Amino acid sequence: MSSFARTLTLALALVSGVLTVAAPFDGAQGDPELADGSSSQPAAAPPATDIYLVSLPGGLGSMKEAKPSPVSVAPGYDNQPMFSPDGGRILFAANRDGKQIDVYVFERATGSVSRLTETPENENSPTYLPAGVGEPGGFSVVRTEPDKTQRLWRFDARGRNPQVVLSDVKPVGYHAWVNADTLALFVLGPPATLRIAAVATGAAEIAAEGIGRSLHRIPGTPRASFVQRESSGEFWVKQIEIPSKTIEPLVKAVEGSADRDMAWMPDGRTILMSAGTKVFSWTRGGTGWTEVFDAASPSLGAVSRLAVSPKGDAIAIVVAEAQK
């Protein structure tokens, strides 16, 4: 797109009240793991992280006393967990051979881990497809292609038959399915933008700038959430209504949260966000964040990404790998 066309597009969006502009995040451009903003610096190696499962037999209130069990603690990168619709499986991305990132799956019933993709390319952000898209168990990924292009692809349940989902939208960093035809996308900058894409047409409209990597469909609603940096330097969790593109601020991000990683509880009312070794919760109508878990107690590292099971009976947490 030419600079004139981009300027015209942004101007029209501003007139319509759709686009919200904020200060860009700091971060590296390149592979999705480190793609949080507008820098043109090459991506560094992915961080050494592990994934643990925290059971919630008594609901969120029981998280503080829960004992995490390992999902994947192999040396190196284990990250980006997502539960299956029935909660029985957890997809995640891992680098097991030191060459590239592939998709793996953890079976909660047996504790077994299986590899789903084995390709020369990186596959990040594995996400189960919504009903109506492909066969049951299929998943989408952000794939780094041989020429370093980052686009959204999908695989079948066995990790085969890759297909491009949005051929003309790039470079994609992260994504969340709102429904079978609608996606919320983090597209690399500068600046990083939130785009609402229609699979049927391939069109992707800019809705906000200066966003972070944590994108989610809000359970039980036609909305998605994202985190945006304001011109004041504050970070806010916001929601966007689909298809009106109306944006509403919800709550200021937890102080000290490095990446503002968050997840929704199944009720669509409560948000979890990590900061250091702690996890905090906020519920609509509330005045602030409440600590619900500290990974330092079971001697785990700083918490980053979070994923909640559809039934709300467990939370997957990503923690910094212990120094050896």
Protein backbone atom coordinates (compact mmCIF):
# COMPACT_ATOMS: atom_id res chain seq x y z
CA MET A 1 0.00 0.00 0.00
CA SER A 2 1.37 3.46 -0.88
CA SER A 3 1.96 6.07 1.81
CA PHE A 4 -0.88 8.14 0.32
CA ALA A 5 -3.28 5.20 0.45
CA ARG A 6 -2.31 4.39 4.03
CA THR A 7 -2.78 8.03 5.06
CA LEU A 8 -6.19 8.12 3.39
CA THR A 9 -7.22 4.84 5.05
CA LEU A 10 -6.24 6.09 8.50
CA ALA A 11 -7.96 9.43 7.92
CA LEU A 12 -11.21 7.74 6.92
CA ALA A 13 -11.02 5.47 9.97
CA LEU A 14 -10.51 8.45 12.25
CA VAL A 15 -13.50 10.25 10.75
CA SER A 16 -15.70 7.19 11.26
CA GLY A 17 -14.61 6.87 14.88
CA VAL A 18 -13.37 3.31 14.36
CA LEU A 19 -9.62 3.69 14.74
CA THR A 20 -8.03 4.29 18.13
CA VAL A 21 -4.41 5.35 18.09
CA ALA A 22 -1.98 5.01 20.98
CA ALA A 23 1.73 5.04 21.57
CA PRO A 24 3.49 2.00 20.06
CA PHE A 25 4.75 -0.83 22.24
CA ASP A 26 8.46 -1.39 22.47
CA GLY A 27 9.56 -4.76 21.16
CA ALA A 28 11.28 -6.73 18.45
CA GLN A 29 10.00 -7.35 14.98
CA GLY A 30 10.38 -10.76 13.41
CA ASP A 31 9.16 -14.08 14.78
CA PRO A 32 5.80 -13.84 16.55
CA GLU A 33 7.16 -14.75 19.99
CA LEU A 34 8.97 -11.43 20.28
CA ALA A 35 6.78 -9.38 17.98
CA ASP A 36 5.31 -6.84 20.36
CA GLY A 37 5.62 -3.58 18.53
CA SER A 38 7.40 -1.36 16.15
CA SER A 39 11.14 -1.98 16.35
CA SER A 40 12.91 -3.02 13.17
CA GLN A 41 15.52 -4.99 15.10
CA PRO A 42 15.76 -8.72 14.26
CA ALA A 43 14.08 -11.17 16.60
CA ALA A 44 16.18 -12.82 19.27
CA ALA A 45 16.07 -16.51 20.17
CA PRO A 46 12.84 -17.52 21.92
CA PRO A 47 13.01 -17.54 25.73
CA ALA A 48 13.54 -20.69 27.80
CA THR A 49 10.11 -21.37 29.30
CA ASP A 50 8.03 -24.23 30.74
CA ILE A 51 4.30 -24.92 30.91
CA TYR A 52 2.48 -26.06 34.07
CA LEU A 53 -1.13 -26.96 34.76
CA VAL A 54 -2.87 -25.51 37.80
CA SER A 55 -6.07 -27.36 38.75
CA LEU A 56 -8.96 -25.39 40.25
CA PRO A 57 -11.11 -27.92 42.15
CA GLY A 58 -12.77 -25.12 44.08
CA GLY A 59 -12.88 -22.48 41.38
CA LEU A 60 -10.55 -19.51 41.04
CA GLY A 61 -10.48 -19.09 44.80
CA SER A 62 -8.60 -22.37 45.11
CA MET A 63 -5.76 -21.30 42.80
CA LYS A 64 -3.65 -19.80 45.58
CA GLU A 65 -3.23 -23.18 47.30
CA ALA A 66 -2.98 -25.26 44.10
CA LYS A 67 0.11 -27.29 43.25
CA PRO A 68 1.12 -26.92 39.58
CA SER A 69 1.89 -30.07 37.60
CA PRO A 70 4.15 -30.10 34.52
CA VAL A 71 2.72 -30.04 31.01
CA SER A 72 6.01 -29.55 29.17
CA VAL A 73 9.31 -28.81 30.91
CA ALA A 74 11.82 -29.84 28.25
CA PRO A 75 14.90 -27.62 28.01
CA GLY A 76 14.29 -24.54 25.88
CA TYR A 77 11.08 -23.05 24.57
CA ASP A 78 7.69 -24.47 25.64
CA ASN A 79 5.03 -21.80 25.33
CA GLN A 80 1.71 -20.49 23.97
CA PRO A 81 -0.71 -23.06 25.48
CA MET A 82 -4.36 -23.33 24.41
CA PHE A 83 -7.07 -25.71 25.61
CA SER A 84 -9.24 -27.73 23.24
CA PRO A 85 -12.99 -26.92 23.25
CA ASP A 86 -13.66 -29.89 25.55
CA GLY A 87 -10.71 -29.03 27.79
CA GLY A 88 -9.08 -32.45 27.37
CA ARG A 89 -6.07 -31.31 25.35
CA ILE A 90 -3.59 -28.46 25.40
CA LEU A 91 -1.89 -27.30 22.22
CA PHE A 92 1.46 -25.57 22.63
CA ALA A 93 4.49 -24.42 20.66
CA ALA A 94 7.95 -25.81 21.41
CA ASN A 95 11.47 -25.87 20.05
CA ARG A 96 12.75 -29.40 20.73
CA ASP A 97 15.50 -29.71 18.11
CA GLY A 98 17.05 -26.26 18.42
CA LYS A 99 16.14 -25.47 14.82
CA GLN A 100 12.52 -24.31 14.62
CA ILE A 101 9.27 -24.19 16.56
CA ASP A 102 6.62 -26.86 16.02
CA VAL A 103 3.20 -27.61 17.50
CA TYR A 104 2.71 -30.25 20.19
CA VAL A 105 -0.31 -31.48 22.12
CA PHE A 106 -0.67 -32.54 25.78
CA GLU A 107 -3.35 -35.08 26.71
CA ARG A 108 -4.72 -34.26 30.16
CA ALA A 109 -6.10 -37.77 30.73
CA THR A 110 -2.77 -39.52 30.22
CA GLY A 111 -0.16 -36.80 30.64
CA SER A 112 1.34 -37.71 27.26
CA VAL A 113 2.83 -35.24 24.76
CA SER A 114 2.75 -35.76 20.99
CA ARG A 115 4.24 -33.78 18.15
CA LEU A 116 1.72 -32.52 15.58
CA THR A 117 3.81 -30.55 13.08
CA GLU A 118 7.29 -31.34 11.84
CA THR A 119 8.16 -28.80 9.18
CA PRO A 120 11.15 -26.64 8.23
CA GLU A 121 9.10 -23.55 9.14
CA ASN A 122 8.24 -22.08 12.54
CA GLU A 123 4.65 -22.61 13.67
CA ASN A 124 3.66 -20.32 16.54
CA SER A 125 0.48 -19.43 18.40
CA PRO A 126 -1.39 -22.73 17.86
CA THR A 127 -5.11 -22.10 18.22
CA TYR A 128 -8.00 -24.54 17.91
CA LEU A 129 -10.31 -23.69 15.02
CA PRO A 130 -13.89 -22.73 15.82
CA ALA A 131 -16.78 -24.95 14.80
CA GLY A 132 -17.48 -24.61 11.12
CA VAL A 133 -13.85 -24.23 10.06
CA GLY A 134 -12.30 -27.45 8.78
CA GLU A 135 -12.57 -30.76 10.57
CA PRO A 136 -12.86 -31.05 14.37
CA GLY A 137 -9.48 -30.77 16.10
CA GLY A 138 -7.90 -28.63 13.41
CA PHE A 139 -5.85 -25.64 14.45
CA SER A 140 -4.42 -22.39 13.09
CA VAL A 141 -0.89 -21.07 13.51
CA VAL A 142 1.27 -18.11 12.64
CA ARG A 143 3.76 -19.64 10.24
CA THR A 144 7.13 -18.15 9.36
CA GLU A 145 7.63 -19.06 5.72
CA PRO A 146 11.00 -19.61 3.99
CA ASP A 147 11.20 -15.95 2.92
CA LYS A 148 10.41 -14.90 6.54
CA THR A 149 6.86 -13.89 5.67
CA GLN A 150 4.51 -14.41 8.64
CA ARG A 151 0.99 -15.40 7.66
CA LEU A 152 -1.91 -17.24 9.22
CA TRP A 153 -2.18 -20.92 8.25
CA ARG A 154 -4.28 -23.86 9.39
CA PHE A 155 -3.66 -27.60 9.78
CA ASP A 156 -5.94 -30.56 10.25
CA ALA A 157 -6.14 -32.40 13.58
CA ARG A 158 -3.12 -34.56 12.72
CA GLY A 159 -0.92 -31.57 11.91
CA ARG A 160 -1.15 -32.14 8.16
CA ASN A 161 -2.61 -30.47 5.06
CA PRO A 162 -1.45 -26.89 5.74
CA GLN A 163 -3.50 -24.14 4.09
CA VAL A 164 -3.15 -20.36 4.11
CA VAL A 165 -6.09 -18.69 5.87
CA LEU A 166 -5.45 -15.06 4.88
CA SER A 167 -3.10 -14.87 1.92
CA ASP A 168 -2.70 -11.09 1.77
CA VAL A 169 -2.45 -10.17 5.46
CA LYS A 170 1.15 -10.04 6.71
CA PRO A 171 3.21 -9.96 8.82
CA VAL A 172 0.85 -11.53 11.35
CA GLY A 173 2.12 -11.84 14.92
CA TYR A 174 -0.87 -13.19 16.89
CA HIS A 175 -4.52 -14.01 16.31
CA ALA A 176 -7.83 -14.90 17.96
CA TRP A 177 -10.91 -16.38 16.31
CA VAL A 178 -14.05 -14.40 17.15
CA ASN A 179 -16.27 -16.70 15.08
CA ALA A 180 -15.93 -18.97 12.04
CA ASP A 181 -15.44 -16.03 9.65
CA THR A 182 -13.93 -13.33 11.85
CA LEU A 183 -10.45 -12.96 13.31
CA ALA A 184 -8.77 -10.40 15.53
CA LEU A 185 -5.15 -10.02 14.38
CA PHE A 186 -1.98 -8.46 15.75
CA VAL A 187 -0.14 -7.28 12.63
CA LEU A 188 3.47 -6.19 12.99
CA GLY A 189 4.40 -2.57 12.43
CA PRO A 190 5.64 -0.08 12.88
CA PRO A 191 3.25 0.47 14.48
CA ALA A 192 1.66 -2.81 15.55
CA THR A 193 -2.02 -2.76 14.64
CA LEU A 194 -5.21 -4.55 15.63
CA ARG A 195 -7.02 -5.70 12.50
CA ILE A 196 -10.42 -7.32 12.21
CA ALA A 197 -10.33 -9.78 9.32
CA ALA A 198 -13.03 -11.61 7.38
CA VAL A 199 -11.95 -15.04 6.17
CA ALA A 200 -14.51 -15.13 3.36
CA THR A 201 -13.20 -11.97 1.69
CA GLY A 202 -9.65 -11.80 3.03
CA ALA A 203 -10.19 -8.18 4.02
CA ALA A 204 -8.58 -6.92 7.23
CA GLU A 205 -9.56 -3.52 8.63
CA ILE A 206 -7.34 -1.57 11.03
CA ALA A 207 -9.19 -0.92 14.27
CA ALA A 208 -6.43 0.24 16.65
CA GLU A 209 -2.70 0.94 16.84
CA GLY A 210 -0.06 0.41 19.50
CA ILE A 211 -1.43 -2.89 20.78
CA GLY A 212 0.20 -5.78 22.64
CA ARG A 213 0.38 -9.49 21.92
CA SER A 214 -2.49 -10.66 24.13
CA LEU A 215 -5.60 -11.06 21.92
CA HIS A 216 -8.65 -13.05 23.03
CA ARG A 217 -12.24 -13.75 22.16
CA ILE A 218 -14.34 -12.83 25.17
CA PRO A 219 -16.29 -15.98 26.09
CA GLY A 220 -20.01 -15.87 25.37
CA THR A 221 -19.85 -12.58 23.48
CA PRO A 222 -19.27 -11.23 19.95
CA ARG A 223 -16.27 -9.29 21.27
CA ALA A 224 -12.50 -9.54 21.44
CA SER A 225 -10.10 -8.02 23.94
CA PHE A 226 -6.67 -6.49 23.50
CA VAL A 227 -4.17 -4.37 25.43
CA GLN A 228 -3.24 -0.90 24.21
CA ARG A 229 -0.67 1.62 25.31
CA GLU A 230 -2.05 5.13 25.79
CA SER A 231 -0.15 8.32 24.96
CA SER A 232 0.31 8.74 28.73
CA GLY A 233 2.30 5.50 28.83
CA GLU A 234 -0.42 3.57 30.66
CA PHE A 235 -1.54 0.18 29.37
CA TRP A 236 -5.26 -0.59 29.25
CA VAL A 237 -7.26 -3.72 28.58
CA LYS A 238 -9.97 -2.89 26.05
CA GLN A 239 -12.76 -4.71 24.27
CA ILE A 240 -13.93 -4.33 20.69
CA GLU A 241 -17.46 -5.12 19.56
CA ILE A 242 -17.80 -7.12 16.36
CA PRO A 243 -18.94 -6.02 13.80
CA SER A 244 -19.49 -2.39 14.87
CA LYS A 245 -15.78 -1.98 15.80
CA THR A 246 -16.83 -0.03 18.89
CA ILE A 247 -13.97 0.00 21.43
CA GLU A 248 -14.43 0.31 25.19
CA PRO A 249 -11.73 0.50 27.91
CA LEU A 250 -12.15 -2.05 30.69
CA VAL A 251 -9.33 -1.79 33.20
CA LYS A 252 -5.77 -0.52 33.53
CA ALA A 253 -3.23 -3.33 33.25
CA VAL A 254 -1.57 -4.71 36.37
CA GLU A 255 1.37 -2.59 37.48
CA GLY A 256 4.69 -4.29 36.78
CA SER A 257 3.33 -6.69 34.17
CA ALA A 258 6.06 -7.02 31.55
CA ASP A 259 3.98 -8.18 28.58
CA ARG A 260 0.42 -7.66 29.89
CA ASP A 261 -0.35 -11.34 29.21
CA MET A 262 -3.94 -12.13 30.16
CA ALA A 263 -6.77 -14.64 29.79
CA TRP A 264 -10.52 -14.72 30.37
CA MET A 265 -12.39 -17.00 32.72
CA PRO A 266 -15.29 -18.84 30.98
CA ASP A 267 -17.88 -16.43 32.40
CA GLY A 268 -16.55 -13.61 30.21
CA ARG A 269 -16.49 -11.36 33.28
CA THR A 270 -13.18 -12.12 34.96
CA ILE A 271 -9.71 -11.43 33.57
CA LEU A 272 -6.46 -12.98 34.77
CA MET A 273 -3.15 -11.17 34.20
CA SER A 274 0.41 -12.10 35.12
CA ALA A 275 3.04 -9.85 36.69
CA GLY A 276 6.34 -11.26 37.84
CA THR A 277 5.66 -14.57 39.60
CA LYS A 278 2.09 -13.57 40.43
CA VAL A 279 -1.32 -13.89 38.78
CA PHE A 280 -4.04 -11.33 39.44
CA SER A 281 -7.76 -11.27 38.72
CA TRP A 282 -10.22 -8.50 37.90
CA THR A 283 -13.98 -8.84 37.49
CA ARG A 284 -16.27 -6.45 35.63
CA GLY A 285 -17.63 -3.89 38.06
CA GLY A 286 -14.61 -4.29 40.32
CA THR A 287 -12.27 -1.49 41.34
CA GLY A 288 -8.91 -3.20 41.08
CA TRP A 289 -6.82 -6.34 40.72
CA THR A 290 -6.65 -9.12 43.32
CA GLU A 291 -3.73 -11.54 43.70
CA VAL A 292 -4.87 -15.15 43.19
CA PHE A 293 -1.59 -17.05 42.75
CA ASP A 294 2.16 -16.75 43.32
CA ALA A 295 4.43 -19.11 41.40
CA ALA A 296 7.27 -18.33 43.79
CA SER A 297 5.58 -20.50 46.44
CA PRO A 298 6.09 -23.73 44.44
CA SER A 299 9.53 -22.40 43.38
CA LEU A 300 8.63 -21.57 39.80
CA GLY A 301 9.82 -18.64 37.72
CA ALA A 302 8.09 -15.52 36.47
CA VAL A 303 4.70 -16.14 34.86
CA SER A 304 3.91 -14.87 31.37
CA ARG A 305 1.17 -16.42 29.24
CA LEU A 306 -2.02 -17.91 30.68
CA ALA A 307 -4.74 -20.16 29.25
CA VAL A 308 -8.00 -21.15 30.96
CA SER A 309 -9.88 -24.37 30.28
CA PRO A 310 -13.39 -23.91 28.84
CA LYS A 311 -14.90 -25.39 32.02
CA GLY A 312 -12.78 -23.17 34.27
CA ASP A 313 -11.38 -26.21 36.11
CA ALA A 314 -7.73 -25.58 35.26
CA ILE A 315 -5.30 -22.90 34.10
CA ALA A 316 -2.14 -23.44 32.06
CA ILE A 317 0.67 -21.08 33.01
CA VAL A 318 3.94 -20.38 31.22
CA VAL A 319 6.88 -19.75 33.55
CA ALA A 320 10.50 -18.81 33.04
CA GLU A 321 12.68 -21.92 33.00
CA ALA A 322 14.70 -22.44 36.15
CA GLN A 323 18.39 -21.54 35.94
CA LYS A 324 20.60 -24.62 35.86
